Amino acid sequence: MKGLERARAQGVGRLVPDAGDRPMGRWLALALNIALRASLVVFLADAILNADAPQFEGKAIGSRGLVILPLSLLLPALYLTRRRGEPYPFWMDNLYLSIFALDLAGNSFDLYNSYRHFDLLPHAHGTGAATVLFAWLLRKPVLSAVGLATVLHVGLEAQEYYSDLLFGLANVRGTWDVVNDLVVGVVGSAVYGAGYFWLVRPRVAGGST
């Protein structure tokens, strides 16, 4: 029990493998971080410069970019204000950035239009990644993180649905699409949450006495 209490006091983020554990892992994580951040800029520039392309029609990618770019700086900002002195959590930041990168890549490469059910992948990954990030960043139990991620996903899905109705966008293809997105979001959250719990639990148990 002492190990579990100590783990909670330190925060779950200290228990997961960090890029700072090994030099090779640190450099790999840094390279991936730079690549992900560069990809966000490239994908957004593509959407803005080629706004008339079929894959971007009705998606309001340019407006989304005004939200995505500031949000991409969330973890660096939190690190500077709350966790300075600790190794930078590159792998968690990479997981966070991958949510935006996957969504934007789907538009740039026209995957949403080319493959009917491609959107299930970013919905599953996004909600799953959010679950891990909530558990790590907020130091919440995995089940609580699953609940938070699911509520966030429902809110985002509702925003997409009503944006289509009110502003004539084309993000959702119908009620069936909304239901499928929500279902795979729950599945992704459960799978990622279970994986995170499996990863963290041995480290907590190993520190208990």
N, C-alpha and C. Protein backbone atom coordinates (compact mmCIF):
# COMPACT_ATOMS: atom_id res chain seq x y z
N MET A 1 0.83 -1.21 0.00
CA MET A 1 0.00 0.00 0.00
C MET A 1 0.85 1.25 0.00
N LYS A 2 2.01 1.19 0.64
CA LYS A 2 2.86 2.38 0.66
C LYS A 2 3.30 2.76 -0.74
N GLY A 3 3.59 1.74 -1.57
CA GLY A 3 4.00 2.02 -2.94
C GLY A 3 2.89 2.69 -3.72
N LEU A 4 1.64 2.23 -3.52
CA LEU A 4 0.51 2.82 -4.22
C LEU A 4 0.29 4.25 -3.78
N GLU A 5 0.39 4.49 -2.46
CA GLU A 5 0.22 5.85 -1.96
C GLU A 5 1.32 6.76 -2.50
N ARG A 6 2.55 6.25 -2.53
CA ARG A 6 3.65 7.05 -3.06
C ARG A 6 3.44 7.35 -4.54
N ALA A 7 2.93 6.36 -5.27
CA ALA A 7 2.68 6.56 -6.70
C ALA A 7 1.63 7.64 -6.92
N ARG A 8 0.58 7.61 -6.09
CA ARG A 8 -0.46 8.63 -6.23
C ARG A 8 0.08 10.01 -5.91
N ALA A 9 0.94 10.07 -4.91
CA ALA A 9 1.50 11.37 -4.53
C ALA A 9 2.39 11.93 -5.63
N GLN A 10 3.12 11.05 -6.31
CA GLN A 10 4.02 11.49 -7.37
C GLN A 10 3.28 11.76 -8.67
N GLY A 11 2.12 11.11 -8.84
CA GLY A 11 1.37 11.28 -10.08
C GLY A 11 1.62 10.12 -11.01
N VAL A 12 0.56 9.69 -11.69
CA VAL A 12 0.66 8.54 -12.56
C VAL A 12 1.70 8.75 -13.65
N GLY A 13 1.85 10.00 -14.09
CA GLY A 13 2.78 10.30 -15.17
C GLY A 13 4.20 9.88 -14.86
N ARG A 14 4.54 9.75 -13.58
CA ARG A 14 5.90 9.34 -13.22
C ARG A 14 6.07 7.84 -13.37
N LEU A 15 4.97 7.10 -13.55
CA LEU A 15 5.05 5.65 -13.56
C LEU A 15 5.16 5.08 -14.96
N VAL A 16 4.80 5.84 -15.96
CA VAL A 16 4.84 5.32 -17.32
C VAL A 16 6.23 5.50 -17.89
N PRO A 17 6.63 4.67 -18.87
CA PRO A 17 7.95 4.84 -19.48
C PRO A 17 8.09 6.23 -20.05
N ASP A 18 9.18 6.87 -19.78
CA ASP A 18 9.40 8.24 -20.24
C ASP A 18 10.58 8.26 -21.20
N ALA A 19 10.53 9.17 -22.16
CA ALA A 19 11.61 9.27 -23.13
C ALA A 19 12.93 9.59 -22.46
N GLY A 20 12.85 10.15 -21.24
CA GLY A 20 14.07 10.51 -20.55
C GLY A 20 14.76 9.33 -19.89
N ASP A 21 14.11 8.13 -19.89
CA ASP A 21 14.71 6.97 -19.26
C ASP A 21 15.98 6.52 -19.97
N ARG A 22 15.99 6.62 -21.31
CA ARG A 22 17.14 6.18 -22.10
C ARG A 22 17.42 7.21 -23.18
N PRO A 23 18.70 7.50 -23.46
CA PRO A 23 19.03 8.51 -24.47
C PRO A 23 18.41 8.22 -25.83
N MET A 24 18.45 6.95 -26.28
CA MET A 24 17.89 6.62 -27.59
C MET A 24 16.40 6.89 -27.62
N GLY A 25 15.70 6.52 -26.55
CA GLY A 25 14.27 6.77 -26.48
C GLY A 25 13.96 8.25 -26.47
N ARG A 26 14.81 9.03 -25.79
CA ARG A 26 14.60 10.47 -25.72
C ARG A 26 14.71 11.10 -27.10
N TRP A 27 15.75 10.72 -27.85
CA TRP A 27 15.94 11.29 -29.18
C TRP A 27 14.87 10.84 -30.16
N LEU A 28 14.45 9.58 -30.05
CA LEU A 28 13.39 9.08 -30.91
C LEU A 28 12.09 9.83 -30.65
N ALA A 29 11.78 10.03 -29.36
CA ALA A 29 10.56 10.74 -29.00
C ALA A 29 10.61 12.19 -29.46
N LEU A 30 11.78 12.82 -29.33
CA LEU A 30 11.93 14.20 -29.77
C LEU A 30 11.73 14.31 -31.28
N ALA A 31 12.34 13.38 -32.03
CA ALA A 31 12.20 13.40 -33.49
C ALA A 31 10.75 13.22 -33.91
N LEU A 32 10.05 12.30 -33.23
CA LEU A 32 8.65 12.08 -33.54
C LEU A 32 7.81 13.30 -33.19
N ASN A 33 8.15 13.95 -32.08
CA ASN A 33 7.43 15.15 -31.67
C ASN A 33 7.55 16.26 -32.71
N ILE A 34 8.78 16.45 -33.20
CA ILE A 34 9.01 17.47 -34.23
C ILE A 34 8.24 17.12 -35.50
N ALA A 35 8.27 15.83 -35.87
CA ALA A 35 7.56 15.40 -37.08
C ALA A 35 6.06 15.61 -36.96
N LEU A 36 5.50 15.31 -35.80
CA LEU A 36 4.06 15.49 -35.60
C LEU A 36 3.68 16.96 -35.66
N ARG A 37 4.48 17.80 -35.02
CA ARG A 37 4.18 19.24 -35.04
C ARG A 37 4.31 19.81 -36.45
N ALA A 38 5.32 19.35 -37.17
CA ALA A 38 5.48 19.81 -38.56
C ALA A 38 4.32 19.34 -39.42
N SER A 39 3.85 18.11 -39.17
CA SER A 39 2.74 17.58 -39.97
C SER A 39 1.46 18.39 -39.75
N LEU A 40 1.24 18.86 -38.53
CA LEU A 40 0.06 19.69 -38.27
C LEU A 40 0.09 20.95 -39.12
N VAL A 41 1.25 21.58 -39.18
CA VAL A 41 1.40 22.81 -39.97
C VAL A 41 1.20 22.51 -41.45
N VAL A 42 1.79 21.42 -41.93
CA VAL A 42 1.69 21.06 -43.35
C VAL A 42 0.24 20.73 -43.72
N PHE A 43 -0.42 19.93 -42.90
CA PHE A 43 -1.80 19.55 -43.20
C PHE A 43 -2.74 20.76 -43.19
N LEU A 44 -2.55 21.64 -42.22
CA LEU A 44 -3.40 22.83 -42.14
C LEU A 44 -3.12 23.77 -43.31
N ALA A 45 -1.86 23.91 -43.68
CA ALA A 45 -1.52 24.75 -44.84
C ALA A 45 -2.13 24.18 -46.11
N ASP A 46 -2.09 22.86 -46.24
CA ASP A 46 -2.70 22.19 -47.40
C ASP A 46 -4.19 22.48 -47.46
N ALA A 47 -4.86 22.40 -46.31
CA ALA A 47 -6.30 22.64 -46.27
C ALA A 47 -6.66 24.08 -46.60
N ILE A 48 -5.82 25.01 -46.17
CA ILE A 48 -6.09 26.43 -46.43
C ILE A 48 -5.79 26.79 -47.88
N LEU A 49 -4.66 26.31 -48.39
CA LEU A 49 -4.26 26.64 -49.76
C LEU A 49 -5.10 25.92 -50.81
N ASN A 50 -5.64 24.77 -50.43
CA ASN A 50 -6.46 23.99 -51.37
C ASN A 50 -7.87 23.82 -50.83
N ALA A 51 -8.42 24.90 -50.32
CA ALA A 51 -9.73 24.84 -49.67
C ALA A 51 -10.84 24.36 -50.59
N ASP A 52 -10.67 24.52 -51.91
CA ASP A 52 -11.70 24.10 -52.86
C ASP A 52 -11.60 22.63 -53.25
N ALA A 53 -10.59 21.94 -52.76
CA ALA A 53 -10.44 20.52 -53.08
C ALA A 53 -11.59 19.73 -52.47
N PRO A 54 -12.04 18.65 -53.13
CA PRO A 54 -13.20 17.88 -52.64
C PRO A 54 -13.06 17.38 -51.21
N GLN A 55 -11.84 16.97 -50.83
CA GLN A 55 -11.68 16.40 -49.49
C GLN A 55 -11.83 17.43 -48.37
N PHE A 56 -11.73 18.73 -48.72
CA PHE A 56 -11.85 19.77 -47.70
C PHE A 56 -13.21 20.47 -47.74
N GLU A 57 -14.02 20.12 -48.71
CA GLU A 57 -15.30 20.81 -48.87
C GLU A 57 -16.23 20.55 -47.68
N GLY A 58 -16.72 21.64 -47.10
CA GLY A 58 -17.65 21.53 -45.98
C GLY A 58 -17.03 21.10 -44.67
N LYS A 59 -15.71 21.15 -44.55
CA LYS A 59 -15.04 20.68 -43.33
C LYS A 59 -14.57 21.83 -42.43
N ALA A 60 -14.49 23.04 -42.95
CA ALA A 60 -14.04 24.20 -42.16
C ALA A 60 -12.69 23.93 -41.50
N ILE A 61 -11.77 23.34 -42.26
CA ILE A 61 -10.46 22.99 -41.71
C ILE A 61 -9.69 24.24 -41.28
N GLY A 62 -9.81 25.31 -42.07
CA GLY A 62 -9.10 26.54 -41.72
C GLY A 62 -9.51 27.06 -40.36
N SER A 63 -10.82 27.05 -40.09
CA SER A 63 -11.31 27.49 -38.78
C SER A 63 -10.84 26.55 -37.68
N ARG A 64 -10.82 25.25 -38.00
CA ARG A 64 -10.35 24.28 -37.02
C ARG A 64 -8.89 24.52 -36.65
N GLY A 65 -8.12 24.98 -37.64
CA GLY A 65 -6.72 25.24 -37.38
C GLY A 65 -6.50 26.29 -36.31
N LEU A 66 -7.42 27.25 -36.22
CA LEU A 66 -7.32 28.29 -35.20
C LEU A 66 -7.45 27.71 -33.80
N VAL A 67 -8.07 26.55 -33.71
CA VAL A 67 -8.23 25.86 -32.42
C VAL A 67 -7.12 24.84 -32.22
N ILE A 68 -6.79 24.10 -33.28
CA ILE A 68 -5.83 23.00 -33.17
C ILE A 68 -4.43 23.49 -32.81
N LEU A 69 -3.96 24.53 -33.47
CA LEU A 69 -2.58 24.98 -33.21
C LEU A 69 -2.38 25.43 -31.77
N PRO A 70 -3.28 26.26 -31.19
CA PRO A 70 -3.10 26.59 -29.77
C PRO A 70 -3.21 25.37 -28.87
N LEU A 71 -4.15 24.46 -29.18
CA LEU A 71 -4.30 23.26 -28.36
C LEU A 71 -3.06 22.37 -28.42
N SER A 72 -2.36 22.39 -29.54
CA SER A 72 -1.16 21.56 -29.68
C SER A 72 -0.05 21.98 -28.72
N LEU A 73 -0.18 23.17 -28.17
CA LEU A 73 0.83 23.69 -27.24
C LEU A 73 0.44 23.47 -25.78
N LEU A 74 -0.65 22.72 -25.55
CA LEU A 74 -1.16 22.54 -24.19
C LEU A 74 -0.14 21.88 -23.27
N LEU A 75 0.42 20.76 -23.68
CA LEU A 75 1.37 20.06 -22.80
C LEU A 75 2.64 20.85 -22.56
N PRO A 76 3.24 21.48 -23.58
CA PRO A 76 4.40 22.33 -23.28
C PRO A 76 4.07 23.44 -22.28
N ALA A 77 2.88 24.03 -22.40
CA ALA A 77 2.49 25.10 -21.48
C ALA A 77 2.33 24.56 -20.06
N LEU A 78 1.69 23.40 -19.93
CA LEU A 78 1.52 22.80 -18.61
C LEU A 78 2.86 22.39 -18.01
N TYR A 79 3.76 21.90 -18.85
CA TYR A 79 5.08 21.50 -18.36
C TYR A 79 5.83 22.70 -17.80
N LEU A 80 5.78 23.82 -18.50
CA LEU A 80 6.51 25.01 -18.06
C LEU A 80 5.94 25.58 -16.77
N THR A 81 4.64 25.39 -16.56
CA THR A 81 4.00 25.99 -15.38
C THR A 81 3.90 25.03 -14.19
N ARG A 82 3.90 23.70 -14.46
CA ARG A 82 3.63 22.77 -13.38
C ARG A 82 4.70 21.72 -13.15
N ARG A 83 5.43 21.31 -14.18
CA ARG A 83 6.32 20.16 -14.04
C ARG A 83 7.75 20.47 -14.43
N ARG A 84 8.11 21.71 -14.37
CA ARG A 84 9.49 22.09 -14.73
C ARG A 84 10.47 21.37 -13.80
N GLY A 85 11.55 20.89 -14.36
CA GLY A 85 12.53 20.15 -13.57
C GLY A 85 12.42 18.65 -13.79
N GLU A 86 11.26 18.18 -14.24
CA GLU A 86 11.08 16.77 -14.58
C GLU A 86 11.39 16.58 -16.07
N PRO A 87 11.72 15.35 -16.48
CA PRO A 87 11.92 15.10 -17.91
C PRO A 87 10.64 15.42 -18.68
N TYR A 88 10.80 16.04 -19.84
CA TYR A 88 9.60 16.39 -20.62
C TYR A 88 8.90 15.11 -21.09
N PRO A 89 7.58 15.02 -20.92
CA PRO A 89 6.85 13.79 -21.28
C PRO A 89 6.59 13.69 -22.78
N PHE A 90 7.66 13.46 -23.54
CA PHE A 90 7.54 13.45 -25.00
C PHE A 90 6.53 12.43 -25.50
N TRP A 91 6.55 11.22 -24.91
CA TRP A 91 5.66 10.19 -25.44
C TRP A 91 4.20 10.54 -25.20
N MET A 92 3.89 11.13 -24.06
CA MET A 92 2.52 11.56 -23.82
C MET A 92 2.14 12.71 -24.75
N ASP A 93 3.07 13.61 -24.99
CA ASP A 93 2.81 14.71 -25.92
C ASP A 93 2.61 14.17 -27.33
N ASN A 94 3.40 13.17 -27.70
CA ASN A 94 3.23 12.56 -29.02
C ASN A 94 1.87 11.89 -29.16
N LEU A 95 1.45 11.22 -28.10
CA LEU A 95 0.12 10.60 -28.12
C LEU A 95 -0.95 11.67 -28.30
N TYR A 96 -0.81 12.78 -27.59
CA TYR A 96 -1.76 13.89 -27.69
C TYR A 96 -1.77 14.47 -29.10
N LEU A 97 -0.60 14.75 -29.66
CA LEU A 97 -0.52 15.34 -30.99
C LEU A 97 -1.04 14.39 -32.07
N SER A 98 -0.92 13.09 -31.83
CA SER A 98 -1.37 12.12 -32.83
C SER A 98 -2.88 12.19 -33.06
N ILE A 99 -3.62 12.67 -32.07
CA ILE A 99 -5.07 12.83 -32.23
C ILE A 99 -5.36 13.80 -33.37
N PHE A 100 -4.70 14.95 -33.34
CA PHE A 100 -4.91 15.97 -34.37
C PHE A 100 -4.30 15.54 -35.70
N ALA A 101 -3.11 14.93 -35.65
CA ALA A 101 -2.42 14.55 -36.88
C ALA A 101 -3.22 13.51 -37.67
N LEU A 102 -3.80 12.54 -36.97
CA LEU A 102 -4.57 11.50 -37.65
C LEU A 102 -5.82 12.09 -38.30
N ASP A 103 -6.50 12.97 -37.59
CA ASP A 103 -7.70 13.61 -38.14
C ASP A 103 -7.37 14.43 -39.39
N LEU A 104 -6.33 15.25 -39.30
CA LEU A 104 -5.96 16.11 -40.43
C LEU A 104 -5.43 15.29 -41.61
N ALA A 105 -4.68 14.23 -41.31
CA ALA A 105 -4.17 13.36 -42.38
C ALA A 105 -5.32 12.72 -43.14
N GLY A 106 -6.36 12.34 -42.42
CA GLY A 106 -7.53 11.74 -43.06
C GLY A 106 -8.16 12.66 -44.08
N ASN A 107 -8.14 13.96 -43.80
CA ASN A 107 -8.67 14.93 -44.75
C ASN A 107 -7.70 15.19 -45.90
N SER A 108 -6.43 15.41 -45.59
CA SER A 108 -5.46 15.72 -46.63
C SER A 108 -5.31 14.60 -47.65
N PHE A 109 -5.35 13.36 -47.18
CA PHE A 109 -5.21 12.21 -48.08
C PHE A 109 -6.55 11.68 -48.58
N ASP A 110 -7.62 12.42 -48.29
CA ASP A 110 -8.97 12.10 -48.75
C ASP A 110 -9.43 10.72 -48.29
N LEU A 111 -9.02 10.33 -47.10
CA LEU A 111 -9.37 9.00 -46.60
C LEU A 111 -10.82 8.93 -46.13
N TYR A 112 -11.35 10.05 -45.63
CA TYR A 112 -12.73 10.06 -45.17
C TYR A 112 -13.70 9.80 -46.32
N ASN A 113 -13.41 10.38 -47.49
CA ASN A 113 -14.28 10.18 -48.65
C ASN A 113 -14.00 8.87 -49.37
N SER A 114 -12.76 8.42 -49.33
CA SER A 114 -12.39 7.21 -50.07
C SER A 114 -12.81 5.93 -49.36
N TYR A 115 -12.81 5.96 -48.04
CA TYR A 115 -13.14 4.78 -47.26
C TYR A 115 -14.30 5.11 -46.32
N ARG A 116 -15.41 4.45 -46.53
CA ARG A 116 -16.67 4.78 -45.85
C ARG A 116 -16.53 4.81 -44.33
N HIS A 117 -15.78 3.88 -43.79
CA HIS A 117 -15.70 3.76 -42.33
C HIS A 117 -14.35 4.20 -41.77
N PHE A 118 -13.59 4.95 -42.53
CA PHE A 118 -12.29 5.40 -42.02
C PHE A 118 -12.44 6.24 -40.76
N ASP A 119 -13.52 7.01 -40.67
CA ASP A 119 -13.66 7.92 -39.53
C ASP A 119 -13.77 7.18 -38.21
N LEU A 120 -14.04 5.88 -38.25
CA LEU A 120 -14.08 5.12 -37.00
C LEU A 120 -12.71 5.06 -36.34
N LEU A 121 -11.66 5.05 -37.17
CA LEU A 121 -10.29 4.97 -36.63
C LEU A 121 -9.92 6.20 -35.80
N PRO A 122 -10.06 7.43 -36.32
CA PRO A 122 -9.73 8.59 -35.49
C PRO A 122 -10.64 8.75 -34.28
N HIS A 123 -11.89 8.31 -34.39
CA HIS A 123 -12.77 8.40 -33.23
C HIS A 123 -12.34 7.43 -32.13
N ALA A 124 -11.97 6.22 -32.52
CA ALA A 124 -11.50 5.24 -31.53
C ALA A 124 -10.17 5.67 -30.93
N HIS A 125 -9.24 6.07 -31.79
CA HIS A 125 -7.92 6.48 -31.29
C HIS A 125 -8.01 7.76 -30.47
N GLY A 126 -8.78 8.72 -30.94
CA GLY A 126 -8.87 10.00 -30.22
C GLY A 126 -9.43 9.84 -28.82
N THR A 127 -10.51 9.06 -28.70
CA THR A 127 -11.11 8.86 -27.38
C THR A 127 -10.21 8.01 -26.50
N GLY A 128 -9.56 7.01 -27.09
CA GLY A 128 -8.63 6.18 -26.32
C GLY A 128 -7.44 6.97 -25.83
N ALA A 129 -6.87 7.79 -26.71
CA ALA A 129 -5.73 8.62 -26.32
C ALA A 129 -6.14 9.61 -25.24
N ALA A 130 -7.33 10.18 -25.37
CA ALA A 130 -7.82 11.12 -24.35
C ALA A 130 -7.96 10.43 -22.99
N THR A 131 -8.36 9.17 -23.00
CA THR A 131 -8.49 8.41 -21.75
C THR A 131 -7.14 8.30 -21.05
N VAL A 132 -6.11 7.93 -21.80
CA VAL A 132 -4.77 7.81 -21.23
C VAL A 132 -4.28 9.16 -20.72
N LEU A 133 -4.51 10.20 -21.49
CA LEU A 133 -4.04 11.53 -21.10
C LEU A 133 -4.75 12.04 -19.86
N PHE A 134 -6.05 11.79 -19.75
CA PHE A 134 -6.78 12.19 -18.55
C PHE A 134 -6.26 11.44 -17.32
N ALA A 135 -6.04 10.13 -17.47
CA ALA A 135 -5.55 9.33 -16.35
C ALA A 135 -4.17 9.81 -15.90
N TRP A 136 -3.33 10.14 -16.86
CA TRP A 136 -1.96 10.56 -16.56
C TRP A 136 -1.91 12.00 -16.06
N LEU A 137 -2.52 12.91 -16.80
CA LEU A 137 -2.38 14.33 -16.50
C LEU A 137 -3.16 14.74 -15.25
N LEU A 138 -4.39 14.22 -15.12
CA LEU A 138 -5.24 14.59 -13.98
C LEU A 138 -5.07 13.65 -12.80
N ARG A 139 -4.24 12.61 -12.98
CA ARG A 139 -4.00 11.62 -11.91
C ARG A 139 -5.31 10.98 -11.46
N LYS A 140 -6.09 10.56 -12.45
CA LYS A 140 -7.39 9.95 -12.20
C LYS A 140 -7.31 8.43 -12.38
N PRO A 141 -8.18 7.68 -11.67
CA PRO A 141 -8.29 6.25 -11.95
C PRO A 141 -8.73 6.05 -13.40
N VAL A 142 -8.38 4.91 -13.96
CA VAL A 142 -8.68 4.67 -15.37
C VAL A 142 -10.17 4.76 -15.66
N LEU A 143 -11.01 4.21 -14.78
CA LEU A 143 -12.45 4.26 -15.02
C LEU A 143 -12.96 5.70 -15.06
N SER A 144 -12.43 6.54 -14.19
CA SER A 144 -12.80 7.96 -14.22
C SER A 144 -12.35 8.61 -15.52
N ALA A 145 -11.16 8.24 -15.97
CA ALA A 145 -10.64 8.79 -17.23
C ALA A 145 -11.48 8.34 -18.41
N VAL A 146 -11.95 7.09 -18.38
CA VAL A 146 -12.85 6.60 -19.43
C VAL A 146 -14.12 7.44 -19.47
N GLY A 147 -14.68 7.73 -18.30
CA GLY A 147 -15.88 8.54 -18.24
C GLY A 147 -15.65 9.95 -18.77
N LEU A 148 -14.55 10.57 -18.38
CA LEU A 148 -14.24 11.92 -18.85
C LEU A 148 -14.04 11.96 -20.36
N ALA A 149 -13.29 10.99 -20.87
CA ALA A 149 -13.03 10.95 -22.32
C ALA A 149 -14.32 10.71 -23.10
N THR A 150 -15.19 9.87 -22.57
CA THR A 150 -16.46 9.60 -23.25
C THR A 150 -17.35 10.82 -23.27
N VAL A 151 -17.41 11.54 -22.16
CA VAL A 151 -18.21 12.77 -22.11
C VAL A 151 -17.66 13.79 -23.11
N LEU A 152 -16.34 13.92 -23.16
CA LEU A 152 -15.72 14.84 -24.13
C LEU A 152 -16.05 14.43 -25.55
N HIS A 153 -15.99 13.14 -25.82
CA HIS A 153 -16.27 12.64 -27.17
C HIS A 153 -17.72 12.90 -27.56
N VAL A 154 -18.64 12.68 -26.64
CA VAL A 154 -20.06 12.96 -26.91
C VAL A 154 -20.25 14.43 -27.24
N GLY A 155 -19.59 15.30 -26.48
CA GLY A 155 -19.69 16.73 -26.73
C GLY A 155 -19.15 17.12 -28.10
N LEU A 156 -18.01 16.55 -28.48
CA LEU A 156 -17.43 16.86 -29.78
C LEU A 156 -18.29 16.32 -30.92
N GLU A 157 -18.86 15.14 -30.72
CA GLU A 157 -19.72 14.57 -31.75
C GLU A 157 -20.99 15.40 -31.91
N ALA A 158 -21.54 15.87 -30.80
CA ALA A 158 -22.71 16.75 -30.87
C ALA A 158 -22.37 18.06 -31.58
N GLN A 159 -21.18 18.57 -31.31
CA GLN A 159 -20.74 19.81 -31.97
C GLN A 159 -20.66 19.61 -33.47
N GLU A 160 -20.11 18.47 -33.91
CA GLU A 160 -20.04 18.19 -35.34
C GLU A 160 -21.43 18.09 -35.95
N TYR A 161 -22.31 17.37 -35.28
CA TYR A 161 -23.66 17.14 -35.80
C TYR A 161 -24.43 18.45 -35.96
N TYR A 162 -24.42 19.27 -34.92
CA TYR A 162 -25.18 20.52 -34.97
C TYR A 162 -24.50 21.58 -35.82
N SER A 163 -23.18 21.50 -35.96
CA SER A 163 -22.50 22.41 -36.89
C SER A 163 -22.94 22.13 -38.32
N ASP A 164 -23.12 20.85 -38.63
CA ASP A 164 -23.62 20.49 -39.96
C ASP A 164 -25.02 21.04 -40.19
N LEU A 165 -25.88 20.90 -39.17
CA LEU A 165 -27.26 21.37 -39.30
C LEU A 165 -27.34 22.88 -39.40
N LEU A 166 -26.58 23.58 -38.58
CA LEU A 166 -26.71 25.03 -38.49
C LEU A 166 -25.90 25.78 -39.54
N PHE A 167 -24.75 25.23 -39.91
CA PHE A 167 -23.85 25.98 -40.80
C PHE A 167 -23.62 25.30 -42.15
N GLY A 168 -24.35 24.23 -42.41
CA GLY A 168 -24.24 23.57 -43.71
C GLY A 168 -22.92 22.87 -43.96
N LEU A 169 -22.25 22.42 -42.91
CA LEU A 169 -20.99 21.69 -43.07
C LEU A 169 -21.28 20.23 -43.42
N ALA A 170 -20.22 19.46 -43.60
CA ALA A 170 -20.40 18.06 -44.02
C ALA A 170 -19.47 17.14 -43.26
N ASN A 171 -19.54 17.19 -41.95
CA ASN A 171 -18.68 16.34 -41.12
C ASN A 171 -19.33 15.01 -40.76
N VAL A 172 -20.66 14.99 -40.70
CA VAL A 172 -21.41 13.80 -40.29
C VAL A 172 -22.32 13.37 -41.42
N ARG A 173 -22.40 12.05 -41.66
CA ARG A 173 -23.20 11.55 -42.79
C ARG A 173 -24.58 11.07 -42.40
N GLY A 174 -24.93 11.20 -41.14
CA GLY A 174 -26.25 10.78 -40.71
C GLY A 174 -26.22 10.29 -39.27
N THR A 175 -27.42 9.98 -38.75
CA THR A 175 -27.50 9.51 -37.36
C THR A 175 -26.71 8.23 -37.16
N TRP A 176 -26.75 7.34 -38.15
CA TRP A 176 -26.01 6.09 -38.04
C TRP A 176 -24.51 6.34 -37.86
N ASP A 177 -24.02 7.39 -38.52
CA ASP A 177 -22.60 7.73 -38.41
C ASP A 177 -22.27 8.20 -37.00
N VAL A 178 -23.16 8.99 -36.42
CA VAL A 178 -22.96 9.47 -35.06
C VAL A 178 -22.91 8.30 -34.08
N VAL A 179 -23.88 7.39 -34.22
CA VAL A 179 -23.95 6.23 -33.32
C VAL A 179 -22.68 5.38 -33.43
N ASN A 180 -22.26 5.10 -34.66
CA ASN A 180 -21.04 4.30 -34.85
C ASN A 180 -19.81 4.98 -34.24
N ASP A 181 -19.72 6.30 -34.43
CA ASP A 181 -18.59 7.04 -33.87
C ASP A 181 -18.56 6.94 -32.34
N LEU A 182 -19.74 7.06 -31.73
CA LEU A 182 -19.81 7.00 -30.27
C LEU A 182 -19.47 5.60 -29.76
N VAL A 183 -19.93 4.58 -30.47
CA VAL A 183 -19.66 3.21 -30.04
C VAL A 183 -18.16 2.91 -30.10
N VAL A 184 -17.52 3.25 -31.22
CA VAL A 184 -16.08 2.96 -31.32
C VAL A 184 -15.28 3.84 -30.36
N GLY A 185 -15.83 5.00 -30.02
CA GLY A 185 -15.16 5.84 -29.03
C GLY A 185 -15.11 5.15 -27.68
N VAL A 186 -16.22 4.53 -27.29
CA VAL A 186 -16.26 3.79 -26.02
C VAL A 186 -15.31 2.60 -26.07
N VAL A 187 -15.30 1.90 -27.20
CA VAL A 187 -14.40 0.75 -27.35
C VAL A 187 -12.94 1.19 -27.28
N GLY A 188 -12.60 2.25 -28.00
CA GLY A 188 -11.24 2.76 -27.96
C GLY A 188 -10.82 3.20 -26.57
N SER A 189 -11.74 3.85 -25.87
CA SER A 189 -11.45 4.30 -24.51
C SER A 189 -11.18 3.12 -23.59
N ALA A 190 -12.00 2.07 -23.72
CA ALA A 190 -11.83 0.89 -22.88
C ALA A 190 -10.51 0.17 -23.19
N VAL A 191 -10.18 0.03 -24.47
CA VAL A 191 -8.96 -0.68 -24.87
C VAL A 191 -7.71 0.09 -24.43
N TYR A 192 -7.67 1.38 -24.73
CA TYR A 192 -6.52 2.19 -24.34
C TYR A 192 -6.41 2.28 -22.81
N GLY A 193 -7.55 2.42 -22.16
CA GLY A 193 -7.54 2.50 -20.70
C GLY A 193 -7.02 1.22 -20.08
N ALA A 194 -7.45 0.07 -20.62
CA ALA A 194 -6.97 -1.22 -20.11
C ALA A 194 -5.47 -1.36 -20.35
N GLY A 195 -5.01 -0.93 -21.53
CA GLY A 195 -3.58 -1.00 -21.81
C GLY A 195 -2.76 -0.13 -20.88
N TYR A 196 -3.27 1.06 -20.59
CA TYR A 196 -2.57 1.96 -19.68
C TYR A 196 -2.54 1.39 -18.27
N PHE A 197 -3.66 0.81 -17.84
CA PHE A 197 -3.72 0.20 -16.51
C PHE A 197 -2.74 -0.96 -16.41
N TRP A 198 -2.68 -1.76 -17.46
CA TRP A 198 -1.75 -2.90 -17.48
C TRP A 198 -0.31 -2.41 -17.42
N LEU A 199 -0.03 -1.29 -18.07
CA LEU A 199 1.33 -0.75 -18.09
C LEU A 199 1.73 -0.18 -16.74
N VAL A 200 0.79 0.49 -16.09
CA VAL A 200 1.09 1.18 -14.83
C VAL A 200 1.07 0.24 -13.64
N ARG A 201 0.17 -0.73 -13.64
CA ARG A 201 -0.04 -1.56 -12.46
C ARG A 201 1.22 -2.29 -11.98
N PRO A 202 2.01 -2.92 -12.88
CA PRO A 202 3.22 -3.60 -12.39
C PRO A 202 4.19 -2.66 -11.71
N ARG A 203 4.27 -1.41 -12.16
CA ARG A 203 5.19 -0.45 -11.56
C ARG A 203 4.72 -0.05 -10.17
N VAL A 204 3.38 0.07 -10.02
CA VAL A 204 2.84 0.38 -8.69
C VAL A 204 3.07 -0.79 -7.75
N ALA A 205 2.78 -2.01 -8.25
CA ALA A 205 2.95 -3.20 -7.41
C ALA A 205 4.40 -3.39 -7.03
N GLY A 206 5.30 -3.09 -7.96
CA GLY A 206 6.72 -3.26 -7.69
C GLY A 206 7.23 -2.33 -6.62
N GLY A 207 6.54 -1.19 -6.43
CA GLY A 207 6.99 -0.24 -5.42
C GLY A 207 6.30 -0.41 -4.09
N SER A 208 5.33 -1.35 -4.01
CA SER A 208 4.59 -1.54 -2.76
C SER A 208 5.39 -2.41 -1.81
N THR A 209 5.07 -2.24 -0.53
CA THR A 209 5.75 -3.05 0.48
C THR A 209 4.72 -3.64 1.42
